[in-house]
């Protein structure tokens, strides 16, 4: 892989570019927190060839959201569950909006047909 290929991948939100130590520093948390949210199955870091955890920017955003709840006094397991449910709700709302848009796209044609 060339240096240009690596730089292109750094723009990818799912590219596991950050080590556990760097991820913890970026989030202002501990490595044990990252392990705990991994154990709670909120995020699953990829592993390097040597077995070290690697995190993507997307995973760091999720971890940061969980940390917000933990900082407010929510237990880690509950914080992870809340973040998972928020993500599921957001996805369901997106899917619902797509279905409504698709259903609405046929409405003017039905109105014209009914008026004729």
PDB file of N, CA and C in Angstrom:
ATOM      1  N   UNK A   1       0.846  -1.169   0.000  1.00  0.00           N
ATOM      2  CA  UNK A   1       0.000   0.000   0.000  1.00  0.00           C
ATOM      3  C   UNK A   1       0.897   1.239   0.000  1.00  0.00           C
ATOM      4  N   UNK A   2       0.592   2.179  -0.879  1.00  0.00           N
ATOM      5  CA  UNK A   2       1.406   3.389  -0.993  1.00  0.00           C
ATOM      6  C   UNK A   2       0.993   4.407   0.066  1.00  0.00           C
ATOM      7  N   UNK A   3       1.820   5.431   0.228  1.00  0.00           N
ATOM      8  CA  UNK A   3       1.516   6.498   1.181  1.00  0.00           C
ATOM      9  C   UNK A   3       0.236   7.222   0.782  1.00  0.00           C
ATOM     10  N   UNK A   4       0.030   7.411  -0.513  1.00  0.00           N
ATOM     11  CA  UNK A   4      -1.195   8.065  -0.987  1.00  0.00           C
ATOM     12  C   UNK A   4      -2.428   7.236  -0.639  1.00  0.00           C
ATOM     13  N   UNK A   5      -2.322   5.915  -0.768  1.00  0.00           N
ATOM     14  CA  UNK A   5      -3.439   5.039  -0.415  1.00  0.00           C
ATOM     15  C   UNK A   5      -3.768   5.177   1.077  1.00  0.00           C
ATOM     16  N   UNK A   6      -2.737   5.236   1.896  1.00  0.00           N
ATOM     17  CA  UNK A   6      -2.940   5.384   3.341  1.00  0.00           C
ATOM     18  C   UNK A   6      -3.615   6.716   3.651  1.00  0.00           C
ATOM     19  N   UNK A   7      -3.174   7.780   3.013  1.00  0.00           N
ATOM     20  CA  UNK A   7      -3.773   9.098   3.261  1.00  0.00           C
ATOM     21  C   UNK A   7      -5.233   9.114   2.836  1.00  0.00           C
ATOM     22  N   UNK A   8      -5.548   8.477   1.711  1.00  0.00           N
ATOM     23  CA  UNK A   8      -6.937   8.394   1.265  1.00  0.00           C
ATOM     24  C   UNK A   8      -7.801   7.652   2.280  1.00  0.00           C
ATOM     25  N   UNK A   9      -7.257   6.618   2.871  1.00  0.00           N
ATOM     26  CA  UNK A   9      -8.021   5.822   3.840  1.00  0.00           C
ATOM     27  C   UNK A   9      -8.244   6.580   5.141  1.00  0.00           C
ATOM     28  N   UNK A  10      -7.380   7.531   5.467  1.00  0.00           N
ATOM     29  CA  UNK A  10      -7.564   8.293   6.696  1.00  0.00           C
ATOM     30  C   UNK A  10      -8.825   9.153   6.643  1.00  0.00           C
ATOM     31  N   UNK A  11      -9.298   9.458   5.447  1.00  0.00           N
ATOM     32  CA  UNK A  11     -10.549  10.203   5.302  1.00  0.00           C
ATOM     33  C   UNK A  11     -11.768   9.312   5.504  1.00  0.00           C
ATOM     34  N   UNK A  12     -11.565   8.008   5.535  1.00  0.00           N
ATOM     35  CA  UNK A  12     -12.635   7.039   5.710  1.00  0.00           C
ATOM     36  C   UNK A  12     -12.985   6.938   7.199  1.00  0.00           C
ATOM     37  N   UNK A  13     -14.247   7.237   7.551  1.00  0.00           N
ATOM     38  CA  UNK A  13     -14.684   7.178   8.952  1.00  0.00           C
ATOM     39  C   UNK A  13     -14.549   5.791   9.564  1.00  0.00           C
ATOM     40  N   UNK A  14     -14.517   4.759   8.729  1.00  0.00           N
ATOM     41  CA  UNK A  14     -14.460   3.392   9.238  1.00  0.00           C
ATOM     42  C   UNK A  14     -13.048   2.804   9.258  1.00  0.00           C
ATOM     43  N   UNK A  15     -12.063   3.576   8.806  1.00  0.00           N
ATOM     44  CA  UNK A  15     -10.685   3.079   8.797  1.00  0.00           C
ATOM     45  C   UNK A  15     -10.134   3.077  10.219  1.00  0.00           C
ATOM     46  N   UNK A  16      -9.642   1.939  10.709  1.00  0.00           N
ATOM     47  CA  UNK A  16      -9.150   1.832  12.086  1.00  0.00           C
ATOM     48  C   UNK A  16      -7.755   2.449  12.237  1.00  0.00           C
ATOM     49  N   UNK A  17      -7.707   3.750  12.342  1.00  0.00           N
ATOM     50  CA  UNK A  17      -6.442   4.475  12.314  1.00  0.00           C
ATOM     51  C   UNK A  17      -5.826   4.734  13.693  1.00  0.00           C
ATOM     52  N   UNK A  18      -6.596   4.554  14.765  1.00  0.00           N
ATOM     53  CA  UNK A  18      -6.139   4.995  16.075  1.00  0.00           C
ATOM     54  C   UNK A  18      -5.888   3.827  17.024  1.00  0.00           C
ATOM     55  N   UNK A  19      -4.746   3.856  17.661  1.00  0.00           N
ATOM     56  CA  UNK A  19      -4.431   2.855  18.681  1.00  0.00           C
ATOM     57  C   UNK A  19      -5.278   3.120  19.920  1.00  0.00           C
ATOM     58  N   UNK A  20      -5.315   2.169  20.807  1.00  0.00           N
ATOM     59  CA  UNK A  20      -6.085   2.331  22.035  1.00  0.00           C
ATOM     60  C   UNK A  20      -5.580   3.526  22.840  1.00  0.00           C
ATOM     61  N   UNK A  21      -4.276   3.661  22.961  1.00  0.00           N
ATOM     62  CA  UNK A  21      -3.721   4.777  23.719  1.00  0.00           C
ATOM     63  C   UNK A  21      -4.072   6.121  23.108  1.00  0.00           C
ATOM     64  N   UNK A  22      -3.946   6.220  21.794  1.00  0.00           N
ATOM     65  CA  UNK A  22      -4.277   7.472  21.105  1.00  0.00           C
ATOM     66  C   UNK A  22      -5.771   7.762  21.208  1.00  0.00           C
ATOM     67  N   UNK A  23      -6.603   6.739  21.057  1.00  0.00           N
ATOM     68  CA  UNK A  23      -8.052   6.910  21.164  1.00  0.00           C
ATOM     69  C   UNK A  23      -8.433   7.405  22.557  1.00  0.00           C
ATOM     70  N   UNK A  24      -7.850   6.807  23.592  1.00  0.00           N
ATOM     71  CA  UNK A  24      -8.132   7.232  24.965  1.00  0.00           C
ATOM     72  C   UNK A  24      -7.704   8.685  25.172  1.00  0.00           C
ATOM     73  N   UNK A  25      -6.543   9.054  24.650  1.00  0.00           N
ATOM     74  CA  UNK A  25      -6.080  10.444  24.763  1.00  0.00           C
ATOM     75  C   UNK A  25      -7.041  11.401  24.064  1.00  0.00           C
ATOM     76  N   UNK A  26      -7.474  11.033  22.874  1.00  0.00           N
ATOM     77  CA  UNK A  26      -8.374  11.897  22.114  1.00  0.00           C
ATOM     78  C   UNK A  26      -9.711  12.095  22.817  1.00  0.00           C
ATOM     79  N   UNK A  27     -10.181  11.057  23.495  1.00  0.00           N
ATOM     80  CA  UNK A  27     -11.458  11.123  24.200  1.00  0.00           C
ATOM     81  C   UNK A  27     -11.322  11.673  25.613  1.00  0.00           C
ATOM     82  N   UNK A  28     -10.095  11.784  26.087  1.00  0.00           N
ATOM     83  CA  UNK A  28      -9.880  12.242  27.457  1.00  0.00           C
ATOM     84  C   UNK A  28     -10.366  11.226  28.472  1.00  0.00           C
ATOM     85  N   UNK A  29     -10.149   9.965  28.156  1.00  0.00           N
ATOM     86  CA  UNK A  29     -10.607   8.887  29.026  1.00  0.00           C
ATOM     87  C   UNK A  29      -9.479   7.884  29.224  1.00  0.00           C
ATOM     88  N   UNK A  30      -9.794   6.762  29.802  1.00  0.00           N
ATOM     89  CA  UNK A  30      -8.781   5.740  30.049  1.00  0.00           C
ATOM     90  C   UNK A  30      -8.939   4.589  29.070  1.00  0.00           C
ATOM     91  N   UNK A  31      -7.907   3.805  28.968  1.00  0.00           N
ATOM     92  CA  UNK A  31      -7.978   2.608  28.129  1.00  0.00           C
ATOM     93  C   UNK A  31      -8.963   1.606  28.713  1.00  0.00           C
ATOM     94  N   UNK A  32      -9.108   1.592  30.023  1.00  0.00           N
ATOM     95  CA  UNK A  32     -10.069   0.656  30.636  1.00  0.00           C
ATOM     96  C   UNK A  32     -11.508   1.026  30.248  1.00  0.00           C
ATOM     97  N   UNK A  33     -11.781   2.319  30.052  1.00  0.00           N
ATOM     98  CA  UNK A  33     -13.106   2.722  29.585  1.00  0.00           C
ATOM     99  C   UNK A  33     -13.363   2.142  28.194  1.00  0.00           C
ATOM    100  N   UNK A  34     -12.364   2.237  27.314  1.00  0.00           N
ATOM    101  CA  UNK A  34     -12.515   1.679  25.972  1.00  0.00           C
ATOM    102  C   UNK A  34     -12.719   0.169  26.024  1.00  0.00           C
ATOM    103  N   UNK A  35     -12.007  -0.490  26.920  1.00  0.00           N
ATOM    104  CA  UNK A  35     -12.209  -1.934  27.069  1.00  0.00           C
ATOM    105  C   UNK A  35     -13.624  -2.236  27.573  1.00  0.00           C
ATOM    106  N   UNK A  36     -14.107  -1.410  28.512  1.00  0.00           N
ATOM    107  CA  UNK A  36     -15.438  -1.622  29.092  1.00  0.00           C
ATOM    108  C   UNK A  36     -16.536  -1.459  28.041  1.00  0.00           C
ATOM    109  N   UNK A  37     -16.433  -0.448  27.182  1.00  0.00           N
ATOM    110  CA  UNK A  37     -17.479  -0.287  26.165  1.00  0.00           C
ATOM    111  C   UNK A  37     -17.343  -1.353  25.078  1.00  0.00           C
ATOM    112  N   UNK A  38     -16.144  -1.886  24.922  1.00  0.00           N
ATOM    113  CA  UNK A  38     -15.970  -3.038  24.035  1.00  0.00           C
ATOM    114  C   UNK A  38     -16.615  -4.283  24.628  1.00  0.00           C
ATOM    115  N   UNK A  39     -16.418  -4.484  25.935  1.00  0.00           N
ATOM    116  CA  UNK A  39     -17.039  -5.620  26.619  1.00  0.00           C
ATOM    117  C   UNK A  39     -18.565  -5.523  26.588  1.00  0.00           C
ATOM    118  N   UNK A  40     -19.086  -4.283  26.604  1.00  0.00           N
ATOM    119  CA  UNK A  40     -20.538  -4.065  26.548  1.00  0.00           C
ATOM    120  C   UNK A  40     -21.057  -4.150  25.117  1.00  0.00           C
ATOM    121  N   UNK A  41     -20.163  -4.405  24.187  1.00  0.00           N
ATOM    122  CA  UNK A  41     -20.482  -4.561  22.760  1.00  0.00           C
ATOM    123  C   UNK A  41     -21.032  -3.291  22.110  1.00  0.00           C
ATOM    124  N   UNK A  42     -20.624  -2.143  22.640  1.00  0.00           N
ATOM    125  CA  UNK A  42     -20.996  -0.887  21.989  1.00  0.00           C
ATOM    126  C   UNK A  42     -20.180  -0.710  20.727  1.00  0.00           C
ATOM    127  N   UNK A  43     -18.899  -0.958  20.829  1.00  0.00           N
ATOM    128  CA  UNK A  43     -18.011  -0.928  19.663  1.00  0.00           C
ATOM    129  C   UNK A  43     -17.118  -2.157  19.703  1.00  0.00           C
ATOM    130  N   UNK A  44     -16.710  -2.592  18.535  1.00  0.00           N
ATOM    131  CA  UNK A  44     -15.789  -3.716  18.434  1.00  0.00           C
ATOM    132  C   UNK A  44     -14.594  -3.246  17.623  1.00  0.00           C
ATOM    133  N   UNK A  45     -13.502  -2.908  18.297  1.00  0.00           N
ATOM    134  CA  UNK A  45     -12.340  -2.422  17.551  1.00  0.00           C
ATOM    135  C   UNK A  45     -11.736  -3.532  16.704  1.00  0.00           C
ATOM    136  N   UNK A  46     -11.178  -3.127  15.605  1.00  0.00           N
ATOM    137  CA  UNK A  46     -10.443  -4.092  14.788  1.00  0.00           C
ATOM    138  C   UNK A  46      -9.120  -4.371  15.474  1.00  0.00           C
ATOM    139  N   UNK A  47      -8.485  -5.429  15.074  1.00  0.00           N
ATOM    140  CA  UNK A  47      -7.195  -5.797  15.673  1.00  0.00           C
ATOM    141  C   UNK A  47      -6.106  -5.717  14.616  1.00  0.00           C
ATOM    142  N   UNK A  48      -4.962  -5.209  15.035  1.00  0.00           N
ATOM    143  CA  UNK A  48      -3.802  -5.176  14.135  1.00  0.00           C
ATOM    144  C   UNK A  48      -3.251  -6.589  14.022  1.00  0.00           C
ATOM    145  N   UNK A  49      -2.280  -6.773  13.155  1.00  0.00           N
ATOM    146  CA  UNK A  49      -1.656  -8.089  12.994  1.00  0.00           C
ATOM    147  C   UNK A  49      -1.068  -8.574  14.314  1.00  0.00           C
ATOM    148  N   UNK A  50      -0.625  -7.644  15.144  1.00  0.00           N
ATOM    149  CA  UNK A  50      -0.064  -7.999  16.450  1.00  0.00           C
ATOM    150  C   UNK A  50      -1.102  -8.140  17.542  1.00  0.00           C
ATOM    151  N   UNK A  51      -2.387  -7.973  17.198  1.00  0.00           N
ATOM    152  CA  UNK A  51      -3.454  -8.152  18.176  1.00  0.00           C
ATOM    153  C   UNK A  51      -3.848  -6.895  18.924  1.00  0.00           C
ATOM    154  N   UNK A  52      -3.289  -5.748  18.561  1.00  0.00           N
ATOM    155  CA  UNK A  52      -3.615  -4.496  19.240  1.00  0.00           C
ATOM    156  C   UNK A  52      -4.922  -3.921  18.708  1.00  0.00           C
ATOM    157  N   UNK A  53      -5.694  -3.324  19.622  1.00  0.00           N
ATOM    158  CA  UNK A  53      -6.966  -2.721  19.220  1.00  0.00           C
ATOM    159  C   UNK A  53      -6.721  -1.466  18.383  1.00  0.00           C
ATOM    160  N   UNK A  54      -7.545  -1.299  17.343  1.00  0.00           N
ATOM    161  CA  UNK A  54      -7.499  -0.116  16.476  1.00  0.00           C
ATOM    162  C   UNK A  54      -8.921   0.417  16.341  1.00  0.00           C
ATOM    163  N   UNK A  55      -9.064   1.726  16.478  1.00  0.00           N
ATOM    164  CA  UNK A  55     -10.371   2.374  16.460  1.00  0.00           C
ATOM    165  C   UNK A  55     -10.506   3.317  15.267  1.00  0.00           C
ATOM    166  N   UNK A  56     -11.725   3.407  14.756  1.00  0.00           N
ATOM    167  CA  UNK A  56     -12.027   4.327  13.655  1.00  0.00           C
ATOM    168  C   UNK A  56     -12.601   5.621  14.240  1.00  0.00           C
ATOM    169  N   UNK A  57     -12.695   6.637  13.394  1.00  0.00           N
ATOM    170  CA  UNK A  57     -13.308   7.896  13.838  1.00  0.00           C
ATOM    171  C   UNK A  57     -14.768   7.674  14.200  1.00  0.00           C
ATOM    172  N   UNK A  58     -15.462   6.845  13.438  1.00  0.00           N
ATOM    173  CA  UNK A  58     -16.860   6.540  13.744  1.00  0.00           C
ATOM    174  C   UNK A  58     -16.971   5.927  15.145  1.00  0.00           C
ATOM    175  N   UNK A  59     -16.115   4.973  15.454  1.00  0.00           N
ATOM    176  CA  UNK A  59     -16.135   4.334  16.772  1.00  0.00           C
ATOM    177  C   UNK A  59     -15.808   5.334  17.874  1.00  0.00           C
ATOM    178  N   UNK A  60     -14.917   6.264  17.593  1.00  0.00           N
ATOM    179  CA  UNK A  60     -14.569   7.271  18.597  1.00  0.00           C
ATOM    180  C   UNK A  60     -15.743   8.202  18.870  1.00  0.00           C
ATOM    181  N   UNK A  61     -16.517   8.523  17.843  1.00  0.00           N
ATOM    182  CA  UNK A  61     -17.705   9.364  18.058  1.00  0.00           C
ATOM    183  C   UNK A  61     -18.713   8.638  18.947  1.00  0.00           C
ATOM    184  N   UNK A  62     -18.896   7.349  18.709  1.00  0.00           N
ATOM    185  CA  UNK A  62     -19.811   6.557  19.544  1.00  0.00           C
ATOM    186  C   UNK A  62     -19.287   6.491  20.976  1.00  0.00           C
ATOM    187  N   UNK A  63     -17.996   6.246  21.122  1.00  0.00           N
ATOM    188  CA  UNK A  63     -17.393   6.178  22.454  1.00  0.00           C
ATOM    189  C   UNK A  63     -17.536   7.516  23.183  1.00  0.00           C
ATOM    190  N   UNK A  64     -17.386   8.602  22.465  1.00  0.00           N
ATOM    191  CA  UNK A  64     -17.526   9.932  23.076  1.00  0.00           C
ATOM    192  C   UNK A  64     -18.945  10.145  23.585  1.00  0.00           C
ATOM    193  N   UNK A  65     -19.931   9.661  22.838  1.00  0.00           N
ATOM    194  CA  UNK A  65     -21.329   9.787  23.280  1.00  0.00           C
ATOM    195  C   UNK A  65     -21.557   8.985  24.553  1.00  0.00           C
ATOM    196  N   UNK A  66     -21.020   7.783  24.604  1.00  0.00           N
ATOM    197  CA  UNK A  66     -21.145   6.966  25.818  1.00  0.00           C
ATOM    198  C   UNK A  66     -20.458   7.650  26.989  1.00  0.00           C
ATOM    199  N   UNK A  67     -19.318   8.251  26.726  1.00  0.00           N
ATOM    200  CA  UNK A  67     -18.586   8.938  27.794  1.00  0.00           C
ATOM    201  C   UNK A  67     -19.400  10.098  28.362  1.00  0.00           C
ATOM    202  N   UNK A  68     -20.152  10.796  27.511  1.00  0.00           N
ATOM    203  CA  UNK A  68     -21.007  11.887  27.991  1.00  0.00           C
ATOM    204  C   UNK A  68     -21.981  11.368  29.052  1.00  0.00           C
ATOM    205  N   UNK A  69     -22.594  10.222  28.781  1.00  0.00           N
ATOM    206  CA  UNK A  69     -23.531   9.643  29.743  1.00  0.00           C
ATOM    207  C   UNK A  69     -22.823   9.215  31.024  1.00  0.00           C
ATOM    208  N   UNK A  70     -21.662   8.584  30.875  1.00  0.00           N
ATOM    209  CA  UNK A  70     -20.905   8.139  32.045  1.00  0.00           C
ATOM    210  C   UNK A  70     -20.479   9.335  32.894  1.00  0.00           C
ATOM    211  N   UNK A  71     -20.068  10.413  32.239  1.00  0.00           N
ATOM    212  CA  UNK A  71     -19.678  11.618  32.973  1.00  0.00           C
ATOM    213  C   UNK A  71     -20.844  12.217  33.759  1.00  0.00           C
ATOM    214  N   UNK A  72     -22.080  11.929  33.311  1.00  0.00           N
ATOM    215  CA  UNK A  72     -23.279  12.419  34.006  1.00  0.00           C
ATOM    216  C   UNK A  72     -23.737  11.460  35.102  1.00  0.00           C
ATOM    217  N   UNK A  73     -22.976  10.368  35.291  1.00  0.00           N
ATOM    218  CA  UNK A  73     -23.289   9.435  36.363  1.00  0.00           C
ATOM    219  C   UNK A  73     -23.978   8.156  35.936  1.00  0.00           C
ATOM    220  N   UNK A  74     -24.169   7.962  34.643  1.00  0.00           N
ATOM    221  CA  UNK A  74     -24.809   6.751  34.142  1.00  0.00           C
ATOM    222  C   UNK A  74     -23.796   5.601  34.146  1.00  0.00           C
ATOM    223  N   UNK A  75     -24.164   4.432  34.633  1.00  0.00           N
ATOM    224  CA  UNK A  75     -23.243   3.285  34.573  1.00  0.00           C
ATOM    225  C   UNK A  75     -22.870   2.958  33.124  1.00  0.00           C
ATOM    226  N   UNK A  76     -21.684   2.416  32.923  1.00  0.00           N
ATOM    227  CA  UNK A  76     -21.175   2.144  31.584  1.00  0.00           C
ATOM    228  C   UNK A  76     -22.129   1.267  30.788  1.00  0.00           C
ATOM    229  N   UNK A  77     -22.606   0.182  31.380  1.00  0.00           N
ATOM    230  CA  UNK A  77     -23.512  -0.728  30.663  1.00  0.00           C
ATOM    231  C   UNK A  77     -24.773   0.001  30.209  1.00  0.00           C
ATOM    232  N   UNK A  78     -25.338   0.823  31.084  1.00  0.00           N
ATOM    233  CA  UNK A  78     -26.552   1.568  30.728  1.00  0.00           C
ATOM    234  C   UNK A  78     -26.256   2.609  29.658  1.00  0.00           C
ATOM    235  N   UNK A  79     -25.119   3.274  29.775  1.00  0.00           N
ATOM    236  CA  UNK A  79     -24.732   4.275  28.776  1.00  0.00           C
ATOM    237  C   UNK A  79     -24.604   3.629  27.401  1.00  0.00           C
ATOM    238  N   UNK A  80     -24.006   2.470  27.359  1.00  0.00           N
ATOM    239  CA  UNK A  80     -23.850   1.760  26.084  1.00  0.00           C
ATOM    240  C   UNK A  80     -25.206   1.380  25.517  1.00  0.00           C
ATOM    241  N   UNK A  81     -26.104   0.918  26.352  1.00  0.00           N
ATOM    242  CA  UNK A  81     -27.441   0.539  25.889  1.00  0.00           C
ATOM    243  C   UNK A  81     -28.183   1.759  25.345  1.00  0.00           C
ATOM    244  N   UNK A  82     -28.067   2.890  26.019  1.00  0.00           N
ATOM    245  CA  UNK A  82     -28.721   4.118  25.563  1.00  0.00           C
ATOM    246  C   UNK A  82     -28.192   4.522  24.190  1.00  0.00           C
ATOM    247  N   UNK A  83     -26.883   4.483  24.015  1.00  0.00           N
ATOM    248  CA  UNK A  83     -26.287   4.870  22.737  1.00  0.00           C
ATOM    249  C   UNK A  83     -26.736   3.917  21.630  1.00  0.00           C
ATOM    250  N   UNK A  84     -26.811   2.635  21.927  1.00  0.00           N
ATOM    251  CA  UNK A  84     -27.280   1.654  20.944  1.00  0.00           C
ATOM    252  C   UNK A  84     -28.730   1.954  20.561  1.00  0.00           C
ATOM    253  N   UNK A  85     -29.564   2.228  21.546  1.00  0.00           N
ATOM    254  CA  UNK A  85     -30.970   2.530  21.263  1.00  0.00           C
ATOM    255  C   UNK A  85     -31.118   3.831  20.480  1.00  0.00           C
ATOM    256  N   UNK A  86     -30.314   4.829  20.800  1.00  0.00           N
ATOM    257  CA  UNK A  86     -30.341   6.078  20.035  1.00  0.00           C
ATOM    258  C   UNK A  86     -29.994   5.826  18.570  1.00  0.00           C
ATOM    259  N   UNK A  87     -28.988   5.008  18.359  1.00  0.00           N
ATOM    260  CA  UNK A  87     -28.561   4.683  17.001  1.00  0.00           C
ATOM    261  C   UNK A  87     -29.659   3.925  16.251  1.00  0.00           C
ATOM    262  N   UNK A  88     -30.299   2.981  16.932  1.00  0.00           N
ATOM    263  CA  UNK A  88     -31.386   2.228  16.305  1.00  0.00           C
ATOM    264  C   UNK A  88     -32.565   3.140  15.965  1.00  0.00           C
ATOM    265  N   UNK A  89     -32.878   4.074  16.856  1.00  0.00           N
ATOM    266  CA  UNK A  89     -33.965   5.015  16.600  1.00  0.00           C
ATOM    267  C   UNK A  89     -33.652   5.904  15.407  1.00  0.00           C
ATOM    268  N   UNK A  90     -32.438   6.394  15.347  1.00  0.00           N
ATOM    269  CA  UNK A  90     -32.029   7.244  14.224  1.00  0.00           C
ATOM    270  C   UNK A  90     -32.149   6.489  12.897  1.00  0.00           C
ATOM    271  N   UNK A  91     -31.731   5.241  12.884  1.00  0.00           N
ATOM    272  CA  UNK A  91     -31.818   4.423  11.675  1.00  0.00           C
ATOM    273  C   UNK A  91     -33.279   4.163  11.302  1.00  0.00           C
ATOM    274  N   UNK A  92     -34.121   3.886  12.289  1.00  0.00           N
ATOM    275  CA  UNK A  92     -35.546   3.653  12.017  1.00  0.00           C
ATOM    276  C   UNK A  92     -36.205   4.919  11.471  1.00  0.00           C
ATOM    277  N   UNK A  93     -35.842   6.070  12.019  1.00  0.00           N
ATOM    278  CA  UNK A  93     -36.397   7.328  11.517  1.00  0.00           C
ATOM    279  C   UNK A  93     -35.955   7.592  10.082  1.00  0.00           C
ATOM    280  N   UNK A  94     -34.699   7.280   9.776  1.00  0.00           N
ATOM    281  CA  UNK A  94     -34.194   7.466   8.412  1.00  0.00           C
ATOM    282  C   UNK A  94     -34.950   6.559   7.439  1.00  0.00           C
ATOM    283  N   UNK A  95     -35.126   5.299   7.828  1.00  0.00           N
ATOM    284  CA  UNK A  95     -35.843   4.342   6.990  1.00  0.00           C
ATOM    285  C   UNK A  95     -37.299   4.773   6.799  1.00  0.00           C
ATOM    286  N   UNK A  96     -37.930   5.226   7.867  1.00  0.00           N
ATOM    287  CA  UNK A  96     -39.310   5.689   7.794  1.00  0.00           C
ATOM    288  C   UNK A  96     -39.433   6.882   6.843  1.00  0.00           C
ATOM    289  N   UNK A  97     -38.506   7.815   6.925  1.00  0.00           N
ATOM    290  CA  UNK A  97     -38.529   8.981   6.037  1.00  0.00           C
ATOM    291  C   UNK A  97     -38.375   8.555   4.577  1.00  0.00           C
ATOM    292  N   UNK A  98     -37.515   7.574   4.325  1.00  0.00           N
ATOM    293  CA  UNK A  98     -37.355   7.065   2.959  1.00  0.00           C
ATOM    294  C   UNK A  98     -38.652   6.449   2.449  1.00  0.00           C
ATOM    295  N   UNK A  99     -39.312   5.666   3.300  1.00  0.00           N
ATOM    296  CA  UNK A  99     -40.576   5.036   2.902  1.00  0.00           C
ATOM    297  C   UNK A  99     -41.660   6.082   2.657  1.00  0.00           C
ATOM    298  N   UNK A 100     -41.711   7.084   3.510  1.00  0.00           N
ATOM    299  CA  UNK A 100     -42.701   8.142   3.330  1.00  0.00           C
ATOM    300  C   UNK A 100     -42.436   8.920   2.044  1.00  0.00           C
ATOM    301  N   UNK A 101     -41.174   9.169   1.764  1.00  0.00           N
ATOM    302  CA  UNK A 101     -40.819   9.879   0.547  1.00  0.00           C
ATOM    303  C   UNK A 101     -41.198   9.045  -0.680  1.00  0.00           C
ATOM    304  N   UNK A 102     -40.933   7.758  -0.640  1.00  0.00           N
ATOM    305  CA  UNK A 102     -41.276   6.877  -1.759  1.00  0.00           C
ATOM    306  C   UNK A 102     -42.794   6.794  -1.937  1.00  0.00           C
ATOM    307  N   UNK A 103     -43.521   6.715  -0.849  1.00  0.00           N
ATOM    308  CA  UNK A 103     -44.983   6.659  -0.924  1.00  0.00           C
ATOM    309  C   UNK A 103     -45.550   7.975  -1.418  1.00  0.00           C
ATOM    310  N   UNK A 104     -44.951   9.073  -1.005  1.00  0.00           N
ATOM    311  CA  UNK A 104     -45.403  10.394  -1.423  1.00  0.00           C
ATOM    312  C   UNK A 104     -45.103  10.682  -2.874  1.00  0.00           C
ATOM    313  N   UNK A 105     -44.112  10.029  -3.430  1.00  0.00           N
ATOM    314  CA  UNK A 105     -43.727  10.260  -4.823  1.00  0.00           C
ATOM    315  C   UNK A 105     -44.833   9.818  -5.768  1.00  0.00           C
ATOM    316  N   UNK A 106     -45.625   8.822  -5.396  1.00  0.00           N
ATOM    317  CA  UNK A 106     -46.691   8.342  -6.256  1.00  0.00           C
ATOM    318  C   UNK A 106     -48.001   9.081  -6.058  1.00  0.00           C
ATOM    319  N   UNK A 107     -48.115   9.878  -5.023  1.00  0.00           N
ATOM    320  CA  UNK A 107     -49.364  10.545  -4.690  1.00  0.00           C
ATOM    321  C   UNK A 107     -49.886  11.477  -5.779  1.00  0.00           C
ATOM    322  N   UNK A 108     -49.090  12.374  -6.377  1.00  0.00           N
ATOM    323  CA  UNK A 108     -49.638  13.267  -7.414  1.00  0.00           C
ATOM    324  C   UNK A 108     -50.215  12.503  -8.598  1.00  0.00           C
ATOM    325  N   UNK A 109     -49.608  11.420  -8.991  1.00  0.00           N
ATOM    326  CA  UNK A 109     -50.117  10.627 -10.117  1.00  0.00           C
ATOM    327  C   UNK A 109     -51.466  10.017  -9.754  1.00  0.00           C
ATOM    328  N   UNK A 110     -51.599   9.567  -8.520  1.00  0.00           N
ATOM    329  CA  UNK A 110     -52.872   8.996  -8.086  1.00  0.00           C
ATOM    330  C   UNK A 110     -53.947  10.069  -8.066  1.00  0.00           C
ATOM    331  N   UNK A 111     -53.582  11.273  -7.650  1.00  0.00           N
ATOM    332  CA  UNK A 111     -54.565  12.366  -7.629  1.00  0.00           C
ATOM    333  C   UNK A 111     -55.024  12.703  -9.048  1.00  0.00           C
ATOM    334  N   UNK A 112     -54.077  12.746  -9.980  1.00  0.00           N
ATOM    335  CA  UNK A 112     -54.445  13.051 -11.378  1.00  0.00           C
ATOM    336  C   UNK A 112     -55.344  11.952 -11.937  1.00  0.00           C
ATOM    337  N   UNK A 113     -55.045  10.710 -11.621  1.00  0.00           N
ATOM    338  CA  UNK A 113     -55.843   9.600 -12.126  1.00  0.00           C
ATOM    339  C   UNK A 113     -57.259   9.643 -11.529  1.00  0.00           C
ATOM    340  N   UNK A 114     -57.364   9.997 -10.266  1.00  0.00           N
ATOM    341  CA  UNK A 114     -58.668  10.056  -9.604  1.00  0.00           C
ATOM    342  C   UNK A 114     -59.496  11.226 -10.134  1.00  0.00           C
ATOM    343  N   UNK A 115     -58.826  12.331 -10.509  1.00  0.00           N
ATOM    344  CA  UNK A 115     -59.528  13.517 -11.006  1.00  0.00           C
ATOM    345  C   UNK A 115     -60.000  13.323 -12.433  1.00  0.00           C
ATOM    346  N   UNK A 116     -59.411  12.415 -13.170  1.00  0.00           N
ATOM    347  CA  UNK A 116     -59.753  12.240 -14.601  1.00  0.00           C
ATOM    348  C   UNK A 116     -60.995  11.463 -14.816  1.00  0.00           C
TER     349      UNK A 116
END
